[in-house]
């Protein structure tokens, strides 16, 4: 009888943590979804910044090209 009670308690204590973990898993899924959305927003911001950097770099390259043309005409 004591063995049966010990086995029942042991079974109960091993099953309870798994049942308690289910809400935690749902919460982790929600947190993961929120993090994914945040990363997507950051990625969109980085993409916009990269486009702005490339546009400025293109403008700078054109300015340097024109400056070299004028410098070569001046004989320097």
PDB file of N, CA and C in Angstrom:
ATOM      1  N   UNK A   1       0.824  -1.185   0.000  1.00  0.00           N
ATOM      2  CA  UNK A   1       0.000   0.000   0.000  1.00  0.00           C
ATOM      3  C   UNK A   1       0.875   1.259   0.000  1.00  0.00           C
ATOM      4  N   UNK A   2       1.946   1.240   0.788  1.00  0.00           N
ATOM      5  CA  UNK A   2       2.839   2.397   0.838  1.00  0.00           C
ATOM      6  C   UNK A   2       3.548   2.586  -0.506  1.00  0.00           C
ATOM      7  N   UNK A   3       3.860   1.485  -1.163  1.00  0.00           N
ATOM      8  CA  UNK A   3       4.519   1.588  -2.458  1.00  0.00           C
ATOM      9  C   UNK A   3       3.572   2.214  -3.487  1.00  0.00           C
ATOM     10  N   UNK A   4       2.323   1.825  -3.418  1.00  0.00           N
ATOM     11  CA  UNK A   4       1.327   2.377  -4.335  1.00  0.00           C
ATOM     12  C   UNK A   4       1.153   3.877  -4.102  1.00  0.00           C
ATOM     13  N   UNK A   5       1.120   4.266  -2.838  1.00  0.00           N
ATOM     14  CA  UNK A   5       0.992   5.684  -2.511  1.00  0.00           C
ATOM     15  C   UNK A   5       2.239   6.449  -2.961  1.00  0.00           C
ATOM     16  N   UNK A   6       3.403   5.860  -2.785  1.00  0.00           N
ATOM     17  CA  UNK A   6       4.651   6.506  -3.203  1.00  0.00           C
ATOM     18  C   UNK A   6       4.693   6.651  -4.717  1.00  0.00           C
ATOM     19  N   UNK A   7       4.269   5.640  -5.442  1.00  0.00           N
ATOM     20  CA  UNK A   7       4.245   5.701  -6.906  1.00  0.00           C
ATOM     21  C   UNK A   7       3.238   6.752  -7.368  1.00  0.00           C
ATOM     22  N   UNK A   8       2.091   6.817  -6.720  1.00  0.00           N
ATOM     23  CA  UNK A   8       1.080   7.808  -7.083  1.00  0.00           C
ATOM     24  C   UNK A   8       1.600   9.221  -6.842  1.00  0.00           C
ATOM     25  N   UNK A   9       2.253   9.448  -5.710  1.00  0.00           N
ATOM     26  CA  UNK A   9       2.808  10.775  -5.426  1.00  0.00           C
ATOM     27  C   UNK A   9       3.919  11.127  -6.412  1.00  0.00           C
ATOM     28  N   UNK A  10       4.760  10.155  -6.694  1.00  0.00           N
ATOM     29  CA  UNK A  10       5.848  10.383  -7.635  1.00  0.00           C
ATOM     30  C   UNK A  10       5.281  10.730  -9.018  1.00  0.00           C
ATOM     31  N   UNK A  11       4.259  10.024  -9.435  1.00  0.00           N
ATOM     32  CA  UNK A  11       3.618  10.301 -10.721  1.00  0.00           C
ATOM     33  C   UNK A  11       2.996  11.692 -10.727  1.00  0.00           C
ATOM     34  N   UNK A  12       2.360  12.041  -9.638  1.00  0.00           N
ATOM     35  CA  UNK A  12       1.716  13.346  -9.534  1.00  0.00           C
ATOM     36  C   UNK A  12       2.744  14.467  -9.610  1.00  0.00           C
ATOM     37  N   UNK A  13       3.853  14.308  -8.906  1.00  0.00           N
ATOM     38  CA  UNK A  13       4.874  15.359  -8.908  1.00  0.00           C
ATOM     39  C   UNK A  13       5.618  15.457 -10.226  1.00  0.00           C
ATOM     40  N   UNK A  14       5.659  14.395 -10.996  1.00  0.00           N
ATOM     41  CA  UNK A  14       6.313  14.479 -12.299  1.00  0.00           C
ATOM     42  C   UNK A  14       5.387  15.046 -13.360  1.00  0.00           C
ATOM     43  N   UNK A  15       4.078  14.892 -13.204  1.00  0.00           N
ATOM     44  CA  UNK A  15       3.125  15.395 -14.191  1.00  0.00           C
ATOM     45  C   UNK A  15       2.808  16.870 -13.951  1.00  0.00           C
ATOM     46  N   UNK A  16       2.758  17.314 -12.728  1.00  0.00           N
ATOM     47  CA  UNK A  16       2.378  18.699 -12.415  1.00  0.00           C
ATOM     48  C   UNK A  16       3.293  19.739 -13.054  1.00  0.00           C
ATOM     49  N   UNK A  17       4.607  19.570 -13.036  1.00  0.00           N
ATOM     50  CA  UNK A  17       5.433  20.611 -13.673  1.00  0.00           C
ATOM     51  C   UNK A  17       5.151  20.765 -15.167  1.00  0.00           C
ATOM     52  N   UNK A  18       4.793  19.677 -15.845  1.00  0.00           N
ATOM     53  CA  UNK A  18       4.495  19.781 -17.273  1.00  0.00           C
ATOM     54  C   UNK A  18       3.186  20.516 -17.515  1.00  0.00           C
ATOM     55  N   UNK A  19       2.230  20.336 -16.649  1.00  0.00           N
ATOM     56  CA  UNK A  19       0.970  21.067 -16.782  1.00  0.00           C
ATOM     57  C   UNK A  19       1.182  22.551 -16.493  1.00  0.00           C
ATOM     58  N   UNK A  20       2.032  22.855 -15.553  1.00  0.00           N
ATOM     59  CA  UNK A  20       2.297  24.252 -15.213  1.00  0.00           C
ATOM     60  C   UNK A  20       3.107  24.931 -16.312  1.00  0.00           C
ATOM     61  N   UNK A  21       3.836  24.168 -17.102  1.00  0.00           N
ATOM     62  CA  UNK A  21       4.677  24.742 -18.150  1.00  0.00           C
ATOM     63  C   UNK A  21       3.864  25.190 -19.356  1.00  0.00           C
ATOM     64  N   UNK A  22       2.652  24.704 -19.530  1.00  0.00           N
ATOM     65  CA  UNK A  22       1.864  25.057 -20.692  1.00  0.00           C
ATOM     66  C   UNK A  22       1.553  26.551 -20.776  1.00  0.00           C
ATOM     67  N   UNK A  23       1.090  27.212 -19.714  1.00  0.00           N
ATOM     68  CA  UNK A  23       0.870  28.655 -19.822  1.00  0.00           C
ATOM     69  C   UNK A  23       2.161  29.422 -20.071  1.00  0.00           C
ATOM     70  N   UNK A  24       3.250  28.915 -19.526  1.00  0.00           N
ATOM     71  CA  UNK A  24       4.535  29.566 -19.748  1.00  0.00           C
ATOM     72  C   UNK A  24       4.912  29.476 -21.221  1.00  0.00           C
ATOM     73  N   UNK A  25       4.635  28.336 -21.837  1.00  0.00           N
ATOM     74  CA  UNK A  25       4.932  28.177 -23.264  1.00  0.00           C
ATOM     75  C   UNK A  25       4.104  29.150 -24.095  1.00  0.00           C
ATOM     76  N   UNK A  26       2.851  29.336 -23.723  1.00  0.00           N
ATOM     77  CA  UNK A  26       2.002  30.286 -24.448  1.00  0.00           C
ATOM     78  C   UNK A  26       2.531  31.714 -24.276  1.00  0.00           C
ATOM     79  N   UNK A  27       2.969  32.017 -23.086  1.00  0.00           N
ATOM     80  CA  UNK A  27       3.521  33.354 -22.833  1.00  0.00           C
ATOM     81  C   UNK A  27       4.814  33.545 -23.613  1.00  0.00           C
ATOM     82  N   UNK A  28       5.625  32.488 -23.678  1.00  0.00           N
ATOM     83  CA  UNK A  28       6.864  32.579 -24.445  1.00  0.00           C
ATOM     84  C   UNK A  28       6.577  32.768 -25.930  1.00  0.00           C
ATOM     85  N   UNK A  29       5.520  32.123 -26.426  1.00  0.00           N
ATOM     86  CA  UNK A  29       5.135  32.308 -27.817  1.00  0.00           C
ATOM     87  C   UNK A  29       4.720  33.748 -28.080  1.00  0.00           C
ATOM     88  N   UNK A  30       3.985  34.332 -27.142  1.00  0.00           N
ATOM     89  CA  UNK A  30       3.576  35.734 -27.281  1.00  0.00           C
ATOM     90  C   UNK A  30       4.792  36.652 -27.256  1.00  0.00           C
ATOM     91  N   UNK A  31       5.720  36.382 -26.361  1.00  0.00           N
ATOM     92  CA  UNK A  31       6.934  37.192 -26.282  1.00  0.00           C
ATOM     93  C   UNK A  31       7.751  37.045 -27.554  1.00  0.00           C
ATOM     94  N   UNK A  32       7.825  35.833 -28.075  1.00  0.00           N
ATOM     95  CA  UNK A  32       8.560  35.597 -29.310  1.00  0.00           C
ATOM     96  C   UNK A  32       7.917  36.346 -30.469  1.00  0.00           C
ATOM     97  N   UNK A  33       6.598  36.326 -30.539  1.00  0.00           N
ATOM     98  CA  UNK A  33       5.893  37.051 -31.597  1.00  0.00           C
ATOM     99  C   UNK A  33       6.144  38.554 -31.485  1.00  0.00           C
ATOM    100  N   UNK A  34       6.155  39.064 -30.271  1.00  0.00           N
ATOM    101  CA  UNK A  34       6.428  40.491 -30.069  1.00  0.00           C
ATOM    102  C   UNK A  34       7.855  40.830 -30.485  1.00  0.00           C
ATOM    103  N   UNK A  35       8.796  39.963 -30.159  1.00  0.00           N
ATOM    104  CA  UNK A  35      10.184  40.201 -30.552  1.00  0.00           C
ATOM    105  C   UNK A  35      10.353  40.147 -32.066  1.00  0.00           C
ATOM    106  N   UNK A  36       9.643  39.234 -32.709  1.00  0.00           N
ATOM    107  CA  UNK A  36       9.720  39.140 -34.168  1.00  0.00           C
ATOM    108  C   UNK A  36       9.187  40.420 -34.799  1.00  0.00           C
ATOM    109  N   UNK A  37       8.076  40.934 -34.284  1.00  0.00           N
ATOM    110  CA  UNK A  37       7.520  42.185 -34.819  1.00  0.00           C
ATOM    111  C   UNK A  37       8.505  43.336 -34.617  1.00  0.00           C
ATOM    112  N   UNK A  38       9.128  43.376 -33.442  1.00  0.00           N
ATOM    113  CA  UNK A  38      10.100  44.437 -33.165  1.00  0.00           C
ATOM    114  C   UNK A  38      11.296  44.338 -34.108  1.00  0.00           C
ATOM    115  N   UNK A  39      11.766  43.133 -34.354  1.00  0.00           N
ATOM    116  CA  UNK A  39      12.886  42.943 -35.272  1.00  0.00           C
ATOM    117  C   UNK A  39      12.510  43.319 -36.699  1.00  0.00           C
ATOM    118  N   UNK A  40      11.287  43.025 -37.089  1.00  0.00           N
ATOM    119  CA  UNK A  40      10.836  43.410 -38.430  1.00  0.00           C
ATOM    120  C   UNK A  40      10.796  44.924 -38.563  1.00  0.00           C
ATOM    121  N   UNK A  41      10.341  45.604 -37.519  1.00  0.00           N
ATOM    122  CA  UNK A  41      10.311  47.068 -37.546  1.00  0.00           C
ATOM    123  C   UNK A  41      11.729  47.633 -37.608  1.00  0.00           C
ATOM    124  N   UNK A  42      12.635  47.057 -36.835  1.00  0.00           N
ATOM    125  CA  UNK A  42      14.027  47.509 -36.860  1.00  0.00           C
ATOM    126  C   UNK A  42      14.639  47.260 -38.237  1.00  0.00           C
ATOM    127  N   UNK A  43      14.320  46.119 -38.822  1.00  0.00           N
ATOM    128  CA  UNK A  43      14.852  45.791 -40.144  1.00  0.00           C
ATOM    129  C   UNK A  43      14.360  46.789 -41.185  1.00  0.00           C
ATOM    130  N   UNK A  44      13.093  47.178 -41.086  1.00  0.00           N
ATOM    131  CA  UNK A  44      12.550  48.176 -42.011  1.00  0.00           C
ATOM    132  C   UNK A  44      13.268  49.511 -41.830  1.00  0.00           C
ATOM    133  N   UNK A  45      13.528  49.900 -40.591  1.00  0.00           N
ATOM    134  CA  UNK A  45      14.252  51.139 -40.322  1.00  0.00           C
ATOM    135  C   UNK A  45      15.672  51.093 -40.857  1.00  0.00           C
ATOM    136  N   UNK A  46      16.323  49.966 -40.690  1.00  0.00           N
ATOM    137  CA  UNK A  46      17.689  49.815 -41.191  1.00  0.00           C
ATOM    138  C   UNK A  46      17.712  49.891 -42.711  1.00  0.00           C
ATOM    139  N   UNK A  47      16.717  49.292 -43.344  1.00  0.00           N
ATOM    140  CA  UNK A  47      16.633  49.336 -44.806  1.00  0.00           C
ATOM    141  C   UNK A  47      16.455  50.771 -45.294  1.00  0.00           C
ATOM    142  N   UNK A  48      15.614  51.532 -44.612  1.00  0.00           N
ATOM    143  CA  UNK A  48      15.423  52.935 -44.988  1.00  0.00           C
ATOM    144  C   UNK A  48      16.711  53.731 -44.784  1.00  0.00           C
ATOM    145  N   UNK A  49      17.382  53.494 -43.665  1.00  0.00           N
ATOM    146  CA  UNK A  49      18.645  54.192 -43.409  1.00  0.00           C
ATOM    147  C   UNK A  49      19.689  53.835 -44.453  1.00  0.00           C
ATOM    148  N   UNK A  50      19.750  52.572 -44.839  1.00  0.00           N
ATOM    149  CA  UNK A  50      20.715  52.144 -45.847  1.00  0.00           C
ATOM    150  C   UNK A  50      20.437  52.820 -47.181  1.00  0.00           C
ATOM    151  N   UNK A  51      19.178  52.952 -47.532  1.00  0.00           N
ATOM    152  CA  UNK A  51      18.821  53.633 -48.781  1.00  0.00           C
ATOM    153  C   UNK A  51      19.245  55.099 -48.730  1.00  0.00           C
ATOM    154  N   UNK A  52      19.045  55.749 -47.593  1.00  0.00           N
ATOM    155  CA  UNK A  52      19.454  57.144 -47.452  1.00  0.00           C
ATOM    156  C   UNK A  52      20.974  57.275 -47.532  1.00  0.00           C
ATOM    157  N   UNK A  53      21.683  56.347 -46.913  1.00  0.00           N
ATOM    158  CA  UNK A  53      23.152  56.375 -46.958  1.00  0.00           C
ATOM    159  C   UNK A  53      23.642  56.195 -48.388  1.00  0.00           C
ATOM    160  N   UNK A  54      23.040  55.265 -49.113  1.00  0.00           N
ATOM    161  CA  UNK A  54      23.447  55.034 -50.497  1.00  0.00           C
ATOM    162  C   UNK A  54      23.169  56.251 -51.374  1.00  0.00           C
ATOM    163  N   UNK A  55      22.051  56.935 -51.129  1.00  0.00           N
ATOM    164  CA  UNK A  55      21.734  58.139 -51.904  1.00  0.00           C
ATOM    165  C   UNK A  55      22.758  59.239 -51.624  1.00  0.00           C
ATOM    166  N   UNK A  56      23.116  59.415 -50.363  1.00  0.00           N
ATOM    167  CA  UNK A  56      24.117  60.431 -50.020  1.00  0.00           C
ATOM    168  C   UNK A  56      25.484  60.067 -50.582  1.00  0.00           C
ATOM    169  N   UNK A  57      25.815  58.797 -50.553  1.00  0.00           N
ATOM    170  CA  UNK A  57      27.096  58.348 -51.090  1.00  0.00           C
ATOM    171  C   UNK A  57      27.152  58.566 -52.599  1.00  0.00           C
ATOM    172  N   UNK A  58      26.038  58.326 -53.259  1.00  0.00           N
ATOM    173  CA  UNK A  58      25.967  58.556 -54.701  1.00  0.00           C
ATOM    174  C   UNK A  58      26.163  60.043 -55.020  1.00  0.00           C
ATOM    175  N   UNK A  59      25.518  60.891 -54.243  1.00  0.00           N
ATOM    176  CA  UNK A  59      25.674  62.338 -54.428  1.00  0.00           C
ATOM    177  C   UNK A  59      27.117  62.757 -54.185  1.00  0.00           C
ATOM    178  N   UNK A  60      27.728  62.226 -53.171  1.00  0.00           N
ATOM    179  CA  UNK A  60      29.118  62.550 -52.860  1.00  0.00           C
ATOM    180  C   UNK A  60      30.050  62.075 -53.969  1.00  0.00           C
ATOM    181  N   UNK A  61      29.804  60.878 -54.499  1.00  0.00           N
ATOM    182  CA  UNK A  61      30.635  60.365 -55.583  1.00  0.00           C
ATOM    183  C   UNK A  61      30.530  61.253 -56.815  1.00  0.00           C
ATOM    184  N   UNK A  62      29.336  61.729 -57.112  1.00  0.00           N
ATOM    185  CA  UNK A  62      29.159  62.628 -58.253  1.00  0.00           C
ATOM    186  C   UNK A  62      29.890  63.949 -58.016  1.00  0.00           C
ATOM    187  N   UNK A  63      29.832  64.463 -56.799  1.00  0.00           N
ATOM    188  CA  UNK A  63      30.528  65.709 -56.469  1.00  0.00           C
ATOM    189  C   UNK A  63      32.037  65.536 -56.631  1.00  0.00           C
ATOM    190  N   UNK A  64      32.563  64.425 -56.178  1.00  0.00           N
ATOM    191  CA  UNK A  64      34.004  64.152 -56.317  1.00  0.00           C
ATOM    192  C   UNK A  64      34.369  64.018 -57.786  1.00  0.00           C
ATOM    193  N   UNK A  65      33.518  63.380 -58.586  1.00  0.00           N
ATOM    194  CA  UNK A  65      33.777  63.225 -60.021  1.00  0.00           C
ATOM    195  C   UNK A  65      33.858  64.587 -60.708  1.00  0.00           C
ATOM    196  N   UNK A  66      32.895  65.453 -60.383  1.00  0.00           N
ATOM    197  CA  UNK A  66      32.891  66.793 -60.974  1.00  0.00           C
ATOM    198  C   UNK A  66      34.107  67.583 -60.513  1.00  0.00           C
ATOM    199  N   UNK A  67      34.474  67.454 -59.246  1.00  0.00           N
ATOM    200  CA  UNK A  67      35.645  68.164 -58.733  1.00  0.00           C
ATOM    201  C   UNK A  67      36.915  67.696 -59.447  1.00  0.00           C
ATOM    202  N   UNK A  68      37.014  66.415 -59.740  1.00  0.00           N
ATOM    203  CA  UNK A  68      38.195  65.913 -60.462  1.00  0.00           C
ATOM    204  C   UNK A  68      38.232  66.460 -61.890  1.00  0.00           C
ATOM    205  N   UNK A  69      37.070  66.563 -62.505  1.00  0.00           N
ATOM    206  CA  UNK A  69      37.024  67.124 -63.862  1.00  0.00           C
ATOM    207  C   UNK A  69      37.512  68.565 -63.853  1.00  0.00           C
ATOM    208  N   UNK A  70      37.019  69.359 -62.906  1.00  0.00           N
ATOM    209  CA  UNK A  70      37.432  70.758 -62.822  1.00  0.00           C
ATOM    210  C   UNK A  70      38.919  70.872 -62.468  1.00  0.00           C
ATOM    211  N   UNK A  71      39.386  69.971 -61.593  1.00  0.00           N
ATOM    212  CA  UNK A  71      40.801  70.007 -61.210  1.00  0.00           C
ATOM    213  C   UNK A  71      41.686  69.652 -62.401  1.00  0.00           C
ATOM    214  N   UNK A  72      41.258  68.710 -63.234  1.00  0.00           N
ATOM    215  CA  UNK A  72      42.074  68.343 -64.394  1.00  0.00           C
ATOM    216  C   UNK A  72      42.091  69.451 -65.434  1.00  0.00           C
ATOM    217  N   UNK A  73      41.025  70.202 -65.544  1.00  0.00           N
ATOM    218  CA  UNK A  73      40.961  71.311 -66.485  1.00  0.00           C
ATOM    219  C   UNK A  73      41.819  72.477 -65.999  1.00  0.00           C
ATOM    220  N   UNK A  74      41.986  72.589 -64.712  1.00  0.00           N
ATOM    221  CA  UNK A  74      42.774  73.683 -64.144  1.00  0.00           C
ATOM    222  C   UNK A  74      44.264  73.388 -64.239  1.00  0.00           C
ATOM    223  N   UNK A  75      44.630  72.173 -64.578  1.00  0.00           N
ATOM    224  CA  UNK A  75      46.036  71.825 -64.744  1.00  0.00           C
ATOM    225  C   UNK A  75      46.684  71.380 -63.441  1.00  0.00           C
ATOM    226  N   UNK A  76      45.917  70.918 -62.503  1.00  0.00           N
ATOM    227  CA  UNK A  76      46.530  70.474 -61.256  1.00  0.00           C
ATOM    228  C   UNK A  76      46.717  69.019 -61.212  1.00  0.00           C
TER     229      UNK A  76
END
